[in-house]
């Protein structure tokens, strides 16, 4: 499995506070987390699935 580009300048910015988010690979989650405010953002799976499921709002963490 590849994790893509994990450099800080390639990571998303937290929409809540503007701090660089970090991947939660070590915790076994496919998501990024803001270390300042705790906001989490699930990674897009890229499969193009339209099953209507939205991990970010399903409370999976």
C-alpha atoms as a PDB file:
ATOM      1  CA  UNK A   1       0.000   0.000   0.000  1.00  0.00           C
ATOM      2  CA  UNK A   2       1.282   3.454  -0.812  1.00  0.00           C
ATOM      3  CA  UNK A   3       0.377   6.536   1.167  1.00  0.00           C
ATOM      4  CA  UNK A   4       1.107   9.165  -1.434  1.00  0.00           C
ATOM      5  CA  UNK A   5       2.896  12.351  -0.555  1.00  0.00           C
ATOM      6  CA  UNK A   6       3.115  12.802   3.230  1.00  0.00           C
ATOM      7  CA  UNK A   7       5.195  16.000   3.267  1.00  0.00           C
ATOM      8  CA  UNK A   8       3.694  18.775   5.416  1.00  0.00           C
ATOM      9  CA  UNK A   9       3.390  21.083   2.401  1.00  0.00           C
ATOM     10  CA  UNK A  10       1.340  18.395   0.617  1.00  0.00           C
ATOM     11  CA  UNK A  11      -1.062  17.847   3.525  1.00  0.00           C
ATOM     12  CA  UNK A  12      -4.491  19.505   3.676  1.00  0.00           C
ATOM     13  CA  UNK A  13      -5.169  22.578   5.761  1.00  0.00           C
ATOM     14  CA  UNK A  14      -7.747  22.283   8.545  1.00  0.00           C
ATOM     15  CA  UNK A  15     -10.962  24.048   7.486  1.00  0.00           C
ATOM     16  CA  UNK A  16     -11.719  24.769  11.144  1.00  0.00           C
ATOM     17  CA  UNK A  17      -8.525  26.526  12.304  1.00  0.00           C
ATOM     18  CA  UNK A  18      -6.127  26.715   9.311  1.00  0.00           C
ATOM     19  CA  UNK A  19      -3.381  24.467  10.758  1.00  0.00           C
ATOM     20  CA  UNK A  20      -1.714  21.750   8.612  1.00  0.00           C
ATOM     21  CA  UNK A  21      -3.414  18.397   9.150  1.00  0.00           C
ATOM     22  CA  UNK A  22      -1.518  15.117   9.624  1.00  0.00           C
ATOM     23  CA  UNK A  23      -2.341  11.553   8.473  1.00  0.00           C
ATOM     24  CA  UNK A  24      -3.584   9.024  11.021  1.00  0.00           C
ATOM     25  CA  UNK A  25      -1.743   6.102   9.393  1.00  0.00           C
ATOM     26  CA  UNK A  26      -0.201   4.957  12.692  1.00  0.00           C
ATOM     27  CA  UNK A  27      -3.685   4.657  14.211  1.00  0.00           C
ATOM     28  CA  UNK A  28      -4.860   2.559  11.266  1.00  0.00           C
ATOM     29  CA  UNK A  29      -7.318   5.198  10.014  1.00  0.00           C
ATOM     30  CA  UNK A  30      -7.518   6.557   6.493  1.00  0.00           C
ATOM     31  CA  UNK A  31      -8.010  10.132   7.607  1.00  0.00           C
ATOM     32  CA  UNK A  32      -6.143  13.320   8.437  1.00  0.00           C
ATOM     33  CA  UNK A  33      -6.356  15.052  11.815  1.00  0.00           C
ATOM     34  CA  UNK A  34      -5.600  18.579  12.948  1.00  0.00           C
ATOM     35  CA  UNK A  35      -3.263  18.361  15.932  1.00  0.00           C
ATOM     36  CA  UNK A  36      -4.429  21.757  17.139  1.00  0.00           C
ATOM     37  CA  UNK A  37      -8.237  21.469  17.236  1.00  0.00           C
ATOM     38  CA  UNK A  38      -8.776  17.725  16.602  1.00  0.00           C
ATOM     39  CA  UNK A  39     -10.815  18.108  13.382  1.00  0.00           C
ATOM     40  CA  UNK A  40     -10.717  14.892  11.308  1.00  0.00           C
ATOM     41  CA  UNK A  41     -11.214  14.489   7.586  1.00  0.00           C
ATOM     42  CA  UNK A  42     -11.672  11.051   5.972  1.00  0.00           C
ATOM     43  CA  UNK A  43      -9.646  10.301   2.865  1.00  0.00           C
ATOM     44  CA  UNK A  44     -11.495   9.966  -0.418  1.00  0.00           C
ATOM     45  CA  UNK A  45     -11.332   6.350  -1.550  1.00  0.00           C
ATOM     46  CA  UNK A  46     -11.198   7.279  -5.228  1.00  0.00           C
ATOM     47  CA  UNK A  47     -13.463   4.390  -6.217  1.00  0.00           C
ATOM     48  CA  UNK A  48     -16.210   6.639  -7.561  1.00  0.00           C
ATOM     49  CA  UNK A  49     -18.751   4.767  -5.462  1.00  0.00           C
ATOM     50  CA  UNK A  50     -22.145   6.410  -5.245  1.00  0.00           C
ATOM     51  CA  UNK A  51     -23.617   4.281  -2.458  1.00  0.00           C
ATOM     52  CA  UNK A  52     -24.723   7.420  -0.632  1.00  0.00           C
ATOM     53  CA  UNK A  53     -22.469   6.720   2.348  1.00  0.00           C
ATOM     54  CA  UNK A  54     -20.480   9.608   3.769  1.00  0.00           C
ATOM     55  CA  UNK A  55     -17.816   8.520   6.250  1.00  0.00           C
ATOM     56  CA  UNK A  56     -17.235  12.068   7.470  1.00  0.00           C
ATOM     57  CA  UNK A  57     -20.799  12.303   8.783  1.00  0.00           C
ATOM     58  CA  UNK A  58     -21.333   8.706   9.846  1.00  0.00           C
ATOM     59  CA  UNK A  59     -19.515   9.030  13.163  1.00  0.00           C
ATOM     60  CA  UNK A  60     -16.956   6.334  12.371  1.00  0.00           C
ATOM     61  CA  UNK A  61     -14.532   7.839  14.899  1.00  0.00           C
END
